[in-house]
C-alpha atoms as a PDB file:
ATOM      1  CA  ASP A   1     104.650  52.884  41.222  1.00  0.00           C
ATOM      2  CA  ASP A   2     104.701  54.085  44.969  1.00  0.00           C
ATOM      3  CA  LEU A   3     103.697  50.374  45.880  1.00  0.00           C
ATOM      4  CA  GLY A   4     106.421  48.826  43.588  1.00  0.00           C
ATOM      5  CA  LEU A   5     103.934  46.907  41.619  1.00  0.00           C
ATOM      6  CA  CYS A   6     103.928  46.481  37.815  1.00  0.00           C
ATOM      7  CA  LEU A   7     101.800  44.699  35.559  1.00  0.00           C
ATOM      8  CA  CYS A   8     103.091  41.693  33.522  1.00  0.00           C
ATOM      9  CA  HIS A   9     102.788  42.375  29.825  1.00  0.00           C
ATOM     10  CA  GLY A  10     102.141  38.624  29.076  1.00  0.00           C
ATOM     11  CA  CYS A  11      99.429  37.871  31.551  1.00  0.00           C
ATOM     12  CA  GLY A  12      98.449  41.014  33.133  1.00  0.00           C
ATOM     13  CA  GLN A  13      99.204  39.914  36.903  1.00  0.00           C
ATOM     14  CA  ALA A  14     100.102  42.836  39.142  1.00  0.00           C
ATOM     15  CA  CYS A  15     103.907  41.514  40.238  1.00  0.00           C
ATOM     16  CA  ASP A  16     105.951  43.034  43.338  1.00  0.00           C
ATOM     17  CA  LEU A  17     109.077  44.662  42.010  1.00  0.00           C
ATOM     18  CA  SER A  18     110.431  45.258  45.563  1.00  0.00           C
ATOM     19  CA  SER A  19     111.300  41.625  46.246  1.00  0.00           C
ATOM     20  CA  GLY A  20     113.796  42.026  43.675  1.00  0.00           C
ATOM     21  CA  ALA A  21     112.030  39.498  41.218  1.00  0.00           C
ATOM     22  CA  HIS A  22     112.388  40.238  37.443  1.00  0.00           C
ATOM     23  CA  THR A  23     109.873  37.520  36.340  1.00  0.00           C
ATOM     24  CA  CYS A  24     105.979  37.049  36.689  1.00  0.00           C
ATOM     25  CA  ASN A  25     105.393  34.202  39.189  1.00  0.00           C
ATOM     26  CA  ARG A  26     102.187  33.231  36.996  1.00  0.00           C
ATOM     27  CA  CYS A  27     103.445  33.056  33.543  1.00  0.00           C
ATOM     28  CA  GLY A  28     107.252  33.360  33.894  1.00  0.00           C
ATOM     29  CA  ALA A  29     107.343  36.562  31.536  1.00  0.00           C
ATOM     30  CA  ALA A  30     110.266  39.082  32.140  1.00  0.00           C
ATOM     31  CA  ILE A  31     108.915  42.144  34.041  1.00  0.00           C
ATOM     32  CA  HIS A  32     109.754  45.631  33.024  1.00  0.00           C
ATOM     33  CA  ARG A  33     108.403  48.980  34.423  1.00  0.00           C
ATOM     34  CA  ARG A  34     107.954  50.033  30.523  1.00  0.00           C
ATOM     35  CA  LYS A  35     107.326  48.220  27.522  1.00  0.00           C
ATOM     36  CA  ALA A  36     110.544  47.427  25.631  1.00  0.00           C
ATOM     37  CA  ASN A  37     111.354  49.909  22.876  1.00  0.00           C
ATOM     38  CA  ALA A  38     108.478  51.693  23.932  1.00  0.00           C
ATOM     39  CA  ILE A  39     109.673  54.951  21.900  1.00  0.00           C
ATOM     40  CA  SER A  40     110.304  53.055  18.670  1.00  0.00           C
ATOM     41  CA  ARG A  41     106.728  51.455  19.021  1.00  0.00           C
ATOM     42  CA  GLY A  42     105.147  54.877  19.292  1.00  0.00           C
ATOM     43  CA  TRP A  43     107.060  56.132  16.353  1.00  0.00           C
ATOM     44  CA  ALA A  44     105.824  52.989  14.423  1.00  0.00           C
ATOM     45  CA  PHE A  45     102.145  53.596  15.445  1.00  0.00           C
ATOM     46  CA  LEU A  46     102.375  57.535  14.320  1.00  0.00           C
ATOM     47  CA  LEU A  47     103.721  56.502  10.934  1.00  0.00           C
ATOM     48  CA  ALA A  48     101.206  53.906  10.491  1.00  0.00           C
ATOM     49  CA  ALA A  49      98.458  56.451  11.755  1.00  0.00           C
ATOM     50  CA  LEU A  50      99.942  59.040   8.993  1.00  0.00           C
ATOM     51  CA  VAL A  51     100.131  56.433   6.319  1.00  0.00           C
ATOM     52  CA  PHE A  52      96.416  55.266   6.785  1.00  0.00           C
ATOM     53  CA  TYR A  53      94.962  58.751   7.507  1.00  0.00           C
ATOM     54  CA  ILE A  54      95.258  59.832   3.706  1.00  0.00           C
ATOM     55  CA  PRO A  55      93.182  56.817   2.377  1.00  0.00           C
ATOM     56  CA  ALA A  56      90.750  56.772   5.157  1.00  0.00           C
ATOM     57  CA  ASN A  57      89.726  60.486   4.061  1.00  0.00           C
ATOM     58  CA  LEU A  58      89.948  59.999   0.509  1.00  0.00           C
ATOM     59  CA  LEU A  59      88.221  56.701  -0.318  1.00  0.00           C
ATOM     60  CA  PRO A  60      84.475  55.876   0.223  1.00  0.00           C
ATOM     61  CA  VAL A  61      84.212  53.720   3.126  1.00  0.00           C
ATOM     62  CA  MET A  62      80.263  53.876   3.367  1.00  0.00           C
ATOM     63  CA  HIS A  63      77.156  53.294   1.226  1.00  0.00           C
ATOM     64  CA  THR A  64      74.265  55.063   2.341  1.00  0.00           C
ATOM     65  CA  GLU A  65      70.588  55.032   0.985  1.00  0.00           C
ATOM     66  CA  MET A  66      68.009  57.802   1.895  1.00  0.00           C
ATOM     67  CA  LEU A  67      64.513  57.724   0.202  1.00  0.00           C
ATOM     68  CA  GLY A  68      65.696  55.341  -2.264  1.00  0.00           C
ATOM     69  CA  SER A  69      69.054  57.214  -3.588  1.00  0.00           C
ATOM     70  CA  GLY A  70      72.317  55.714  -2.517  1.00  0.00           C
ATOM     71  CA  SER A  71      75.676  57.269  -2.395  1.00  0.00           C
ATOM     72  CA  GLU A  72      78.845  56.420  -1.258  1.00  0.00           C
ATOM     73  CA  SER A  73      80.806  58.830   1.376  1.00  0.00           C
ATOM     74  CA  THR A  74      84.125  59.102   3.028  1.00  0.00           C
ATOM     75  CA  ILE A  75      84.408  59.235   6.953  1.00  0.00           C
ATOM     76  CA  GLY A  76      84.164  63.118   6.913  1.00  0.00           C
ATOM     77  CA  GLY A  77      81.533  63.251   4.115  1.00  0.00           C
ATOM     78  CA  GLY A  78      79.400  60.528   5.725  1.00  0.00           C
ATOM     79  CA  VAL A  79      79.656  62.563   9.161  1.00  0.00           C
ATOM     80  CA  LEU A  80      78.067  65.717   7.215  1.00  0.00           C
ATOM     81  CA  GLU A  81      75.565  63.684   5.707  1.00  0.00           C
ATOM     82  CA  PHE A  82      74.182  62.231   8.742  1.00  0.00           C
ATOM     83  CA  TRP A  83      74.588  65.585  10.553  1.00  0.00           C
ATOM     84  CA  GLU A  84      72.456  67.335   7.779  1.00  0.00           C
ATOM     85  CA  ALA A  85      69.887  64.587   7.851  1.00  0.00           C
END
């Protein structure tokens, strides 16, 4: 930020904002210091994580076989099973 550089959200090129340009020289995308709607995106990601957290920890996601006996485990159960083995 001290150098006046900002990464393009389209192509990733470092663009100089001190010249007053607000578009990328390479791809022509608009340049912003932060992504547009960053707070809304953060809340959306948090909500999605909360929605998928419950099934990820309740539904079996892994099938393991040890010495011929198989079992299905949730994420936490699988970690405990490997830790005990």
